[in-house]
């Protein structure tokens, strides 16, 4: 015979075998889901957890935390209704997620239609992006979002004053539009007013603003359709920041192009580059990320190196001195 007593709480759980009473061990507490990916916006951050939920923290004036409020949170809060996320991205005042079924949801600021739901109204809870049904990755930045589809096409929505949607126009769109001519992309990145994609085979193409060479085509004219980046044929990853772009190559080196006033291209100078330049002092790179005026790389041995602006110590080398070449991040050895 067995019995359990419930009331204001579990009082006892006993199993009786003949004349013996053996206390039954309480069930173990469920394990907390672990973080599998982090995304950072300008003033907020989000984590994708192993159970498919998303937790966000930080500033929340436009609802970018997704918890149904506009109250900032110094600790993580759950994005409402997200239970099957597979990828996340955070922008200036908005957040987006790809869901297990290939659809996408976004929340937060929507002044240029960057939530993709056909309106310009901010939302403090996730809303579905119209027409996206087979997304595998998503990127978002300043009033612009893009999704990579399983068929290799790229779809973008939001602000478009410099052609950053890539559809051949300069008209904002609150719903996704196809980027012209891209049918074989395997990754996508969004900067301040430009976007880039790695294509099958390793070439890179970019579109949008190009005043300081962030499209990498050698010129300064903005483009509302993709243009090929010069001298890149073996890229495995591309990232974009305010006014620059970087790519990791098959040989695990890094090339960057665009704005460079803080040395954020990493080539030992502070001169802008309209075509890709090699980052000095980093090899065996596994991935790269960009801040506003600095860049960091994770190396295959688990260490990290950064370069560019360092006024707040963002290079992690124990100083506040900017560096136009890569410096090692102190005490980081198992990234």
Protein backbone atom coordinates (compact mmCIF):
# COMPACT_ATOMS: atom_id res chain seq x y z
CA UNK A 1 0.00 0.00 0.00
CA UNK A 2 1.23 3.53 -0.67
CA UNK A 3 -0.15 6.90 0.24
CA UNK A 4 0.65 10.56 -0.21
CA UNK A 5 -0.61 13.53 1.72
CA UNK A 6 -1.16 16.87 0.07
CA UNK A 7 -2.38 20.05 1.67
CA UNK A 8 -0.54 23.29 1.93
CA UNK A 9 2.46 21.31 0.77
CA UNK A 10 3.74 17.78 0.49
CA UNK A 11 3.82 16.42 4.06
CA UNK A 12 4.98 12.85 3.48
CA UNK A 13 5.42 10.19 0.86
CA UNK A 14 5.70 6.63 2.22
CA UNK A 15 5.72 3.20 0.63
CA UNK A 16 4.63 0.29 2.88
CA UNK A 17 6.02 -3.18 2.27
CA UNK A 18 4.53 -5.61 4.82
CA UNK A 19 5.39 -4.18 8.22
CA UNK A 20 8.20 -1.91 7.01
CA UNK A 21 7.81 1.78 6.24
CA UNK A 22 10.41 3.11 3.81
CA UNK A 23 10.52 6.88 3.17
CA UNK A 24 10.40 7.56 -0.58
CA UNK A 25 13.00 10.01 -1.85
CA UNK A 26 11.46 13.23 -3.11
CA UNK A 27 11.51 13.72 -6.85
CA UNK A 28 14.53 15.73 -7.98
CA UNK A 29 13.89 19.34 -8.83
CA UNK A 30 13.69 19.92 -12.57
CA UNK A 31 16.93 21.20 -14.07
CA UNK A 32 16.99 24.81 -15.10
CA UNK A 33 17.35 25.23 -18.87
CA UNK A 34 20.81 26.32 -19.95
CA UNK A 35 21.73 29.21 -22.20
CA UNK A 36 22.71 28.14 -25.69
CA UNK A 37 23.05 31.52 -27.38
CA UNK A 38 23.35 35.15 -26.35
CA UNK A 39 22.31 38.18 -28.41
CA UNK A 40 23.08 41.76 -27.45
CA UNK A 41 21.39 44.95 -28.60
CA UNK A 42 22.47 48.49 -27.79
CA UNK A 43 20.86 48.55 -24.34
CA UNK A 44 19.48 45.06 -23.79
CA UNK A 45 20.51 41.43 -24.06
CA UNK A 46 18.68 38.15 -24.60
CA UNK A 47 19.46 34.47 -24.12
CA UNK A 48 18.08 31.51 -26.04
CA UNK A 49 17.64 28.61 -23.62
CA UNK A 50 17.77 24.88 -24.24
CA UNK A 51 14.01 24.56 -23.73
CA UNK A 52 13.31 26.95 -26.64
CA UNK A 53 12.33 29.90 -24.46
CA UNK A 54 13.96 33.33 -24.61
CA UNK A 55 14.87 35.50 -21.62
CA UNK A 56 15.83 39.15 -21.95
CA UNK A 57 17.12 41.87 -19.63
CA UNK A 58 18.14 45.53 -19.73
CA UNK A 59 16.40 48.60 -21.11
CA UNK A 60 12.79 48.18 -22.21
CA UNK A 61 11.24 51.50 -23.31
CA UNK A 62 9.83 50.04 -26.53
CA UNK A 63 9.07 46.56 -25.20
CA UNK A 64 12.24 44.93 -26.51
CA UNK A 65 12.31 42.48 -23.57
CA UNK A 66 9.05 40.97 -24.81
CA UNK A 67 7.44 40.43 -21.40
CA UNK A 68 4.37 42.55 -22.06
CA UNK A 69 5.71 45.63 -20.26
CA UNK A 70 7.92 48.60 -20.97
CA UNK A 71 9.66 48.30 -17.62
CA UNK A 72 13.41 47.80 -17.70
CA UNK A 73 14.69 44.66 -15.96
CA UNK A 74 18.13 44.15 -14.36
CA UNK A 75 17.51 40.39 -14.35
CA UNK A 76 16.18 38.13 -17.13
CA UNK A 77 12.45 38.07 -17.88
CA UNK A 78 10.71 35.68 -20.26
CA UNK A 79 9.61 36.80 -23.71
CA UNK A 80 5.90 36.02 -23.73
CA UNK A 81 4.78 32.96 -25.68
CA UNK A 82 8.17 31.98 -27.10
CA UNK A 83 8.69 28.26 -26.44
CA UNK A 84 10.31 26.85 -29.61
CA UNK A 85 12.99 29.37 -30.58
CA UNK A 86 16.02 28.11 -32.50
CA UNK A 87 17.81 31.42 -33.15
CA UNK A 88 17.67 34.98 -31.78
CA UNK A 89 18.93 38.45 -32.67
CA UNK A 90 18.82 41.77 -30.82
CA UNK A 91 18.92 45.25 -32.32
CA UNK A 92 18.79 48.86 -31.20
CA UNK A 93 15.34 48.58 -29.60
CA UNK A 94 13.93 45.32 -30.88
CA UNK A 95 14.45 41.57 -30.73
CA UNK A 96 13.66 38.74 -33.14
CA UNK A 97 13.57 34.95 -32.98
CA UNK A 98 13.32 32.09 -35.45
CA UNK A 99 10.93 29.37 -34.27
CA UNK A 100 11.15 25.61 -34.75
CA UNK A 101 8.53 25.62 -37.50
CA UNK A 102 10.51 28.13 -39.60
CA UNK A 103 8.37 31.13 -38.74
CA UNK A 104 9.79 34.25 -37.09
CA UNK A 105 8.61 36.57 -34.33
CA UNK A 106 9.84 40.04 -33.37
CA UNK A 107 9.08 42.50 -30.58
CA UNK A 108 9.99 46.00 -29.44
CA UNK A 109 10.49 49.12 -31.54
CA UNK A 110 8.68 49.26 -34.88
CA UNK A 111 8.97 52.84 -36.09
CA UNK A 112 10.13 51.72 -39.53
CA UNK A 113 8.34 48.37 -39.68
CA UNK A 114 11.28 46.33 -38.37
CA UNK A 115 8.94 43.89 -36.59
CA UNK A 116 7.66 42.76 -39.98
CA UNK A 117 3.99 42.41 -39.03
CA UNK A 118 2.64 45.01 -41.44
CA UNK A 119 2.28 47.83 -38.89
CA UNK A 120 4.40 50.61 -37.43
CA UNK A 121 3.24 50.05 -33.85
CA UNK A 122 5.70 49.00 -31.16
CA UNK A 123 4.90 45.72 -29.44
CA UNK A 124 5.93 44.60 -25.95
CA UNK A 125 5.07 40.99 -26.81
CA UNK A 126 6.25 38.92 -29.79
CA UNK A 127 4.36 39.33 -33.06
CA UNK A 128 4.61 37.10 -36.11
CA UNK A 129 6.65 38.28 -39.08
CA UNK A 130 4.41 38.11 -42.14
CA UNK A 131 5.26 35.60 -44.86
CA UNK A 132 8.29 33.99 -43.22
CA UNK A 133 7.75 30.22 -43.14
CA UNK A 134 11.16 28.55 -43.58
CA UNK A 135 13.70 30.77 -41.81
CA UNK A 136 16.95 29.27 -40.55
CA UNK A 137 18.65 32.43 -39.25
CA UNK A 138 17.75 36.02 -38.42
CA UNK A 139 19.59 39.33 -37.95
CA UNK A 140 18.47 42.75 -36.79
CA UNK A 141 20.07 46.13 -36.08
CA UNK A 142 18.97 49.76 -36.47
CA UNK A 143 15.36 49.64 -37.69
CA UNK A 144 16.10 46.76 -40.03
CA UNK A 145 15.72 42.98 -39.83
CA UNK A 146 16.62 40.19 -42.27
CA UNK A 147 15.97 36.44 -42.34
CA UNK A 148 17.77 33.67 -44.19
CA UNK A 149 15.44 31.11 -45.73
CA UNK A 150 16.15 27.40 -46.10
CA UNK A 151 16.19 27.80 -49.89
CA UNK A 152 19.10 30.28 -49.73
CA UNK A 153 17.05 33.42 -50.31
CA UNK A 154 17.23 36.43 -47.98
CA UNK A 155 14.24 38.52 -46.89
CA UNK A 156 14.48 41.93 -45.21
CA UNK A 157 12.02 44.42 -43.71
CA UNK A 158 12.05 47.82 -42.01
CA UNK A 159 13.98 50.95 -42.88
CA UNK A 160 15.30 51.33 -46.44
CA UNK A 161 16.49 54.89 -46.99
CA UNK A 162 19.91 53.74 -48.28
CA UNK A 163 18.71 50.55 -49.96
CA UNK A 164 19.50 48.30 -47.00
CA UNK A 165 16.54 46.02 -47.76
CA UNK A 166 18.21 45.08 -51.04
CA UNK A 167 15.02 45.00 -53.11
CA UNK A 168 16.07 47.69 -55.59
CA UNK A 169 14.09 50.47 -53.91
CA UNK A 170 14.61 52.96 -51.11
CA UNK A 171 11.12 52.55 -49.71
CA UNK A 172 10.58 51.27 -46.17
CA UNK A 173 8.67 48.01 -45.89
CA UNK A 174 6.80 46.76 -42.77
CA UNK A 175 6.68 43.27 -44.30
CA UNK A 176 9.52 41.15 -45.71
CA UNK A 177 10.78 41.76 -49.25
CA UNK A 178 13.17 39.51 -51.15
CA UNK A 179 16.75 40.69 -51.58
CA UNK A 180 17.36 40.82 -55.32
CA UNK A 181 19.43 38.09 -56.89
CA UNK A 182 20.29 36.10 -53.76
CA UNK A 183 19.39 32.44 -54.11
CA UNK A 184 22.27 30.61 -52.41
CA UNK A 185 23.11 32.46 -49.17
CA UNK A 186 24.20 30.54 -46.09
CA UNK A 187 24.43 33.42 -43.60
CA UNK A 188 23.23 37.01 -43.27
CA UNK A 189 24.36 40.01 -41.22
CA UNK A 190 22.88 43.46 -40.60
CA UNK A 191 24.80 46.66 -39.80
CA UNK A 192 23.55 50.14 -39.07
CA UNK A 193 22.33 50.92 -42.60
CA UNK A 194 23.74 48.04 -44.64
CA UNK A 195 23.44 44.27 -44.89
CA UNK A 196 25.69 41.43 -46.07
CA UNK A 197 25.45 37.74 -46.89
CA UNK A 198 27.87 34.86 -47.45
CA UNK A 199 26.99 32.93 -50.61
CA UNK A 200 27.52 29.29 -51.46
CA UNK A 201 31.17 28.92 -52.44
CA UNK A 202 32.43 31.56 -50.02
CA UNK A 203 31.89 34.88 -51.80
CA UNK A 204 30.29 37.79 -49.91
CA UNK A 205 27.79 40.35 -51.14
CA UNK A 206 26.56 43.53 -49.41
CA UNK A 207 23.94 46.22 -50.02
CA UNK A 208 22.81 49.54 -48.55
CA UNK A 209 24.88 52.47 -47.32
CA UNK A 210 28.49 52.71 -48.53
CA UNK A 211 29.83 56.14 -47.54
CA UNK A 212 32.91 54.76 -45.81
CA UNK A 213 33.31 51.58 -47.85
CA UNK A 214 31.20 49.23 -45.74
CA UNK A 215 29.98 47.39 -48.85
CA UNK A 216 33.56 46.44 -49.69
CA UNK A 217 33.27 46.91 -53.44
CA UNK A 218 35.96 49.59 -53.71
CA UNK A 219 33.51 52.46 -54.18
CA UNK A 220 31.50 54.87 -52.06
CA UNK A 221 28.10 54.73 -53.74
CA UNK A 222 25.26 53.17 -51.80
CA UNK A 223 23.45 50.31 -53.52
CA UNK A 224 19.84 49.15 -53.25
CA UNK A 225 20.83 45.75 -54.64
CA UNK A 226 23.67 43.44 -53.61
CA UNK A 227 27.20 44.13 -54.85
CA UNK A 228 30.08 41.64 -54.54
CA UNK A 229 32.77 42.34 -51.96
CA UNK A 230 36.19 42.52 -53.62
CA UNK A 231 38.72 39.70 -53.21
CA UNK A 232 36.68 37.44 -50.93
CA UNK A 233 36.13 33.91 -52.19
CA UNK A 234 36.45 31.67 -49.13
CA UNK A 235 34.34 33.31 -46.42
CA UNK A 236 32.61 31.16 -43.80
CA UNK A 237 31.04 33.94 -41.70
CA UNK A 238 30.20 37.61 -42.16
CA UNK A 239 29.32 40.18 -39.48
CA UNK A 240 28.31 43.82 -39.79
CA UNK A 241 28.49 46.75 -37.40
CA UNK A 242 27.71 50.47 -37.52
CA UNK A 243 29.73 51.30 -40.63
CA UNK A 244 31.94 48.29 -41.27
CA UNK A 245 31.89 44.58 -42.05
CA UNK A 246 34.18 41.64 -41.30
CA UNK A 247 34.47 38.09 -42.60
CA UNK A 248 36.13 34.92 -41.32
CA UNK A 249 37.84 32.95 -44.10
CA UNK A 250 38.37 29.22 -44.56
CA UNK A 251 42.00 29.62 -43.49
CA UNK A 252 40.69 31.04 -40.17
CA UNK A 253 41.99 34.55 -40.78
CA UNK A 254 39.80 37.67 -40.70
CA UNK A 255 39.26 40.47 -43.23
CA UNK A 256 37.45 43.73 -42.42
CA UNK A 257 36.39 46.80 -44.42
CA UNK A 258 34.72 50.18 -43.89
CA UNK A 259 35.00 52.72 -41.06
CA UNK A 260 38.28 52.61 -39.12
CA UNK A 261 38.76 55.78 -37.05
CA UNK A 262 39.38 53.70 -33.89
CA UNK A 263 41.39 50.95 -35.53
CA UNK A 264 38.38 48.63 -35.58
CA UNK A 265 39.45 47.05 -38.87
CA UNK A 266 42.52 45.67 -37.11
CA UNK A 267 45.02 46.27 -39.90
CA UNK A 268 47.36 48.48 -37.86
CA UNK A 269 45.96 51.76 -39.20
CA UNK A 270 43.06 54.12 -38.59
CA UNK A 271 42.43 54.60 -42.32
CA UNK A 272 39.09 53.50 -43.74
CA UNK A 273 39.21 50.65 -46.23
CA UNK A 274 36.83 50.32 -49.16
CA UNK A 275 37.98 46.75 -49.82
CA UNK A 276 38.83 44.01 -47.28
CA UNK A 277 42.07 44.28 -45.28
CA UNK A 278 43.68 41.56 -43.18
CA UNK A 279 43.40 41.78 -39.40
CA UNK A 280 46.91 41.72 -37.95
CA UNK A 281 47.87 39.21 -35.29
CA UNK A 282 44.95 36.75 -35.40
CA UNK A 283 44.99 33.26 -36.86
CA UNK A 284 43.00 30.15 -36.07
CA UNK A 285 39.79 32.18 -35.67
CA UNK A 286 36.56 30.27 -35.09
CA UNK A 287 34.16 33.24 -35.02
CA UNK A 288 34.07 37.03 -34.88
CA UNK A 289 31.69 39.57 -33.31
CA UNK A 290 31.45 43.33 -33.62
CA UNK A 291 30.73 46.14 -31.20
CA UNK A 292 30.09 49.69 -32.27
CA UNK A 293 33.77 50.65 -32.61
CA UNK A 294 35.60 47.47 -31.65
CA UNK A 295 35.78 43.90 -32.89
CA UNK A 296 36.54 40.60 -31.14
CA UNK A 297 37.46 37.12 -32.32
CA UNK A 298 37.21 33.76 -30.60
CA UNK A 299 40.17 31.53 -31.45
CA UNK A 300 40.15 27.76 -31.82
CA UNK A 301 42.18 27.34 -28.61
CA UNK A 302 39.40 29.02 -26.58
CA UNK A 303 41.15 32.36 -26.16
CA UNK A 304 39.84 35.69 -27.47
CA UNK A 305 41.41 38.74 -29.09
CA UNK A 306 39.95 42.20 -29.68
CA UNK A 307 40.90 45.41 -31.49
CA UNK A 308 39.64 48.97 -31.97
CA UNK A 309 38.22 51.43 -29.43
CA UNK A 310 39.03 50.76 -25.78
CA UNK A 311 37.88 53.85 -23.88
CA UNK A 312 35.82 51.74 -21.50
CA UNK A 313 38.14 48.75 -21.45
CA UNK A 314 36.12 46.86 -24.04
CA UNK A 315 39.22 45.15 -25.48
CA UNK A 316 39.74 43.34 -22.19
CA UNK A 317 43.53 43.68 -22.11
CA UNK A 318 43.70 45.53 -18.80
CA UNK A 319 44.08 48.97 -20.37
CA UNK A 320 41.90 51.69 -21.84
CA UNK A 321 44.20 52.27 -24.81
CA UNK A 322 42.75 51.71 -28.25
CA UNK A 323 44.54 49.24 -30.49
CA UNK A 324 44.50 49.02 -34.29
CA UNK A 325 45.80 45.46 -34.06
CA UNK A 326 44.48 42.48 -32.13
CA UNK A 327 45.33 42.17 -28.42
CA UNK A 328 44.61 39.19 -26.21
CA UNK A 329 41.71 39.33 -23.78
CA UNK A 330 43.11 38.80 -20.29
CA UNK A 331 42.18 35.65 -18.34
CA UNK A 332 39.96 34.21 -21.07
CA UNK A 333 40.96 30.68 -22.05
CA UNK A 334 37.84 28.56 -22.56
CA UNK A 335 35.39 30.48 -24.71
